[in-house]
Protein backbone atom coordinates (compact mmCIF):
# COMPACT_ATOMS: atom_id res chain seq x y z
CA UNK A 1 -21.72 -2.63 10.35
CA UNK A 2 -20.98 -4.41 7.09
CA UNK A 3 -23.25 -3.98 4.08
CA UNK A 4 -23.38 -7.37 2.41
CA UNK A 5 -23.47 -5.80 -1.06
CA UNK A 6 -20.35 -3.76 -0.45
CA UNK A 7 -17.06 -3.96 -2.34
CA UNK A 8 -14.83 -3.86 0.75
CA UNK A 9 -13.67 -7.45 0.56
CA UNK A 10 -12.67 -7.03 -3.07
CA UNK A 11 -11.36 -3.45 -3.01
CA UNK A 12 -7.66 -4.17 -3.36
CA UNK A 13 -8.21 -6.72 -6.12
CA UNK A 14 -10.55 -4.42 -8.05
CA UNK A 15 -8.13 -1.50 -7.78
CA UNK A 16 -5.18 -3.69 -8.80
CA UNK A 17 -7.03 -4.67 -12.00
CA UNK A 18 -8.10 -1.14 -12.98
CA UNK A 19 -5.19 1.07 -11.87
CA UNK A 20 -2.77 -0.14 -14.61
CA UNK A 21 -5.24 1.13 -17.24
CA UNK A 22 -5.30 4.67 -15.84
CA UNK A 23 -3.18 7.47 -17.24
CA UNK A 24 -1.12 9.09 -14.42
CA UNK A 25 -2.73 12.34 -13.30
CA UNK A 26 -6.14 11.56 -14.77
CA UNK A 27 -9.08 12.00 -12.42
CA UNK A 28 -10.96 8.81 -11.65
CA UNK A 29 -14.71 9.25 -11.15
CA UNK A 30 -16.24 6.65 -8.87
CA UNK A 31 -19.99 6.75 -9.49
CA UNK A 32 -21.16 4.46 -6.66
CA UNK A 33 -18.81 5.20 -3.78
CA UNK A 34 -21.02 3.81 -0.99
CA UNK A 35 -18.79 3.29 2.04
CA UNK A 36 -15.75 4.44 0.01
CA UNK A 37 -14.04 1.07 0.32
CA UNK A 38 -12.59 1.49 -3.18
CA UNK A 39 -12.13 5.25 -2.97
CA UNK A 40 -9.41 5.04 -0.33
CA UNK A 41 -7.28 2.72 -2.51
CA UNK A 42 -7.28 4.63 -5.81
CA UNK A 43 -4.31 6.71 -6.91
CA UNK A 44 -5.45 10.33 -6.60
CA UNK A 45 -7.14 12.41 -7.94
CA UNK A 46 -10.54 10.79 -7.36
CA UNK A 47 -14.06 12.21 -7.40
CA UNK A 48 -16.57 10.00 -5.57
CA UNK A 49 -20.33 10.15 -6.17
CA UNK A 50 -23.34 8.30 -4.86
CA UNK A 51 -27.08 8.72 -5.35
CA UNK A 52 -27.88 8.33 -1.64
CA UNK A 53 -28.19 11.92 -0.31
CA UNK A 54 -27.83 10.85 3.34
CA UNK A 55 -24.59 9.04 2.54
CA UNK A 56 -23.14 12.02 0.69
CA UNK A 57 -24.16 14.34 3.54
CA UNK A 58 -22.32 12.06 5.98
CA UNK A 59 -19.15 12.01 3.84
CA UNK A 60 -19.20 15.80 3.45
CA UNK A 61 -19.59 16.19 7.23
CA UNK A 62 -16.68 13.79 7.80
CA UNK A 63 -14.52 15.84 5.41
CA UNK A 64 -15.41 18.92 7.47
CA UNK A 65 -14.24 17.22 10.68
CA UNK A 66 -17.41 15.56 12.04
CA UNK A 67 -16.90 12.24 13.76
CA UNK A 68 -19.81 9.97 14.67
CA UNK A 69 -20.50 9.45 18.36
CA UNK A 70 -19.08 6.35 19.98
CA UNK A 71 -21.49 3.50 20.63
CA UNK A 72 -21.50 4.16 24.38
CA UNK A 73 -22.36 7.84 23.75
CA UNK A 74 -25.58 7.11 21.86
CA UNK A 75 -28.63 7.48 24.05
CA UNK A 76 -32.13 6.38 23.04
CA UNK A 77 -32.99 10.04 22.47
CA UNK A 78 -29.96 10.63 20.22
CA UNK A 79 -30.70 7.46 18.27
CA UNK A 80 -34.30 8.60 17.74
CA UNK A 81 -33.08 12.02 16.56
CA UNK A 82 -30.65 10.52 14.02
CA UNK A 83 -33.24 8.00 12.85
CA UNK A 84 -35.80 10.77 12.30
CA UNK A 85 -33.40 12.97 10.33
């Protein structure tokens, strides 16, 4: 799925414009990480925030090792469960 408002298409260009202005070792704070299309390209350290609690919960779960089910593994019941929560 591609969110049409996302920064994915422009990530490398955005990072290339901003990175030269950073001081090596400084922490970059990304305040609207969304799908983390920019986050993966920054020189570390990076702290990524977003105001969407469901999105942040998903990223924290992914950091802890969770992987979403494959498309063929999603039943109608599982879809309903995820949609409800």
